Every structure is written in C-alpha cells, then in structure tokens.
Protein backbone atom coordinates (compact mmCIF):
# COMPACT_ATOMS: atom_id res chain seq x y z
CA MET A 1 41.52 -42.44 -60.21
CA GLN A 2 38.31 -42.94 -58.27
CA VAL A 3 38.50 -39.40 -56.85
CA VAL A 4 39.43 -37.75 -60.16
CA ILE A 5 36.25 -38.67 -62.09
CA PRO A 6 33.81 -37.27 -59.48
CA LEU A 7 36.01 -34.19 -59.12
CA ILE A 8 35.99 -33.62 -62.90
CA CYS A 9 32.20 -34.13 -62.97
CA ALA A 10 31.76 -31.64 -60.12
CA VAL A 11 33.97 -29.02 -61.80
CA LEU A 12 32.27 -29.61 -65.16
CA GLY A 13 28.83 -29.29 -63.49
CA PHE A 14 29.92 -26.05 -61.82
CA VAL A 15 31.20 -24.61 -65.13
CA ILE A 16 27.98 -25.57 -66.94
CA ALA A 17 25.87 -24.07 -64.13
CA ALA A 18 27.88 -20.83 -64.19
CA MET A 19 27.57 -20.54 -67.98
CA THR A 20 23.81 -21.22 -67.83
CA PHE A 21 23.40 -18.65 -65.06
CA GLY A 22 25.30 -16.05 -67.11
CA ARG A 23 23.30 -16.79 -70.23
CA ASN A 24 19.96 -16.59 -68.42
CA ARG A 25 21.01 -13.39 -66.67
CA ASP A 26 21.86 -11.76 -70.01
CA LYS A 27 18.58 -13.01 -71.47
CA ASP A 28 16.67 -11.55 -68.51
CA ILE A 29 18.47 -8.23 -68.87
CA ARG A 30 17.60 -8.08 -72.57
CA GLN A 31 13.98 -8.97 -71.82
CA ASP A 32 13.78 -6.31 -69.10
CA ALA A 33 15.27 -3.72 -71.45
CA ALA A 34 12.75 -4.64 -74.16
CA ASN A 35 9.87 -4.41 -71.68
CA SER A 36 11.13 -1.04 -70.43
CA ALA A 37 11.32 0.24 -74.00
CA VAL A 38 7.75 -0.90 -74.71
CA ILE A 39 6.49 0.70 -71.50
CA GLY A 40 8.36 3.91 -72.30
CA THR A 41 6.84 4.03 -75.78
CA LYS A 42 3.36 3.46 -74.42
CA LEU A 43 3.84 6.21 -71.82
CA ASP A 44 5.00 8.58 -74.55
CA ASN A 45 1.88 7.78 -76.57
CA ILE A 46 -0.32 8.35 -73.52
CA ASN A 47 1.44 11.65 -72.89
CA LEU A 48 0.81 12.74 -76.49
CA GLY A 49 -2.84 11.77 -76.14
CA VAL A 50 -3.20 13.78 -72.94
CA GLU A 51 -1.57 16.80 -74.57
CA SER A 52 -3.93 16.48 -77.53
CA ILE A 53 -6.93 16.29 -75.21
CA ARG A 54 -5.67 19.33 -73.31
CA ILE A 55 -5.37 21.33 -76.55
CA ASP A 56 -8.87 20.24 -77.65
CA LEU A 57 -10.25 21.20 -74.23
CA LYS A 58 -8.75 24.68 -74.46
CA ALA A 59 -10.23 25.11 -77.94
CA ASN A 60 -13.64 23.99 -76.64
CA GLU A 61 -13.41 26.43 -73.72
CA LYS A 62 -12.68 29.28 -76.11
CA SER A 63 -15.59 28.23 -78.30
CA ILE A 64 -17.94 28.04 -75.30
CA ASN A 65 -16.79 31.48 -74.10
CA ASN A 66 -17.38 32.88 -77.58
CA LEU A 67 -20.85 31.34 -77.74
CA SER A 68 -21.67 32.65 -74.26
CA GLU A 69 -20.72 36.18 -75.28
CA ARG A 70 -22.81 35.91 -78.43
CA MET A 71 -25.77 34.57 -76.45
CA VAL A 72 -25.58 37.49 -74.01
CA ARG A 73 -25.63 39.90 -76.97
CA VAL A 74 -28.62 38.11 -78.51
CA GLU A 75 -30.50 38.19 -75.19
CA GLU A 76 -29.82 41.91 -74.83
CA SER A 77 -30.94 42.50 -78.40
CA SER A 78 -34.14 40.50 -77.87
CA LYS A 79 -34.85 42.47 -74.68
CA GLN A 80 -34.52 45.71 -76.61
CA ALA A 81 -36.75 44.33 -79.37
CA HIS A 82 -39.43 43.37 -76.83
CA LYS A 83 -39.29 46.86 -75.33
CA ARG A 84 -39.74 48.39 -78.78
CA LEU A 85 -42.63 46.06 -79.54
CA ASP A 86 -44.26 46.94 -76.21
CA ARG A 87 -43.95 50.66 -77.02
CA ILE A 88 -45.44 50.11 -80.47
CA THR A 89 -48.42 48.20 -79.09
CA LEU A 90 -49.00 50.86 -76.41
CA LYS A 91 -48.95 53.67 -78.99
CA GLY A 92 -51.17 51.88 -81.46
CA GLY A 93 -53.54 50.33 -78.96
CA ASP A 94 -55.23 47.04 -79.56
CA ASN A 95 -55.64 46.42 -83.24
CA ASN A 96 -57.46 43.11 -83.24
CA GLU A 97 -58.89 42.62 -86.68
CA SER A 98 -60.65 39.37 -86.09
C-alpha cells in the first residue's frame, strides 16, 4: 500500500502534465495562427497602398510629361513672338514719345 499511493500520484501527475502540455500547445497554435492572419492582413494592406502609390506616380509622370510638352510649345511660341516684335521695332525704328 505504501508503494501504490506514490505510484498513483506519479501517474496522475504525468497525466495532468500531458493534458496541460496538449492544451498549451493548442493554445499556442491558435495564437500563432491568429498572429499570422493579422500579419497577412497587414501585408495585404501595405501591398494595396504600394499599388495605389504606383498608380498615382504613373498619373503624375503623365501629367509632368504633358506639362513639359506644353511648356516647350509655349517657349517656342514666345521665341517666335520675340522675333516678330524685334522685326516690328526694326521696321518702325525708335518711337519714343516721352
């Protein structure tokens, strides 16, 4: 009888330890899965943000190219206007009416 009680306590302790280990392992697995899901969601959101920035950047590049072309045309037009003004002043001479 003296050997049976410690043996029962040892077996009972082993069973309780095994059950606790299993429960904690399942809890850890659930926690890891939840963390992985959160990280995955955040990465998806970051990816969407990067794609949005990329689209905005392409739109800005097109706008800048369009403005550059328009600026070149305006500069050419102003050059032609200056040439015409120079010709007019050369034909008419100095007309200072001060």
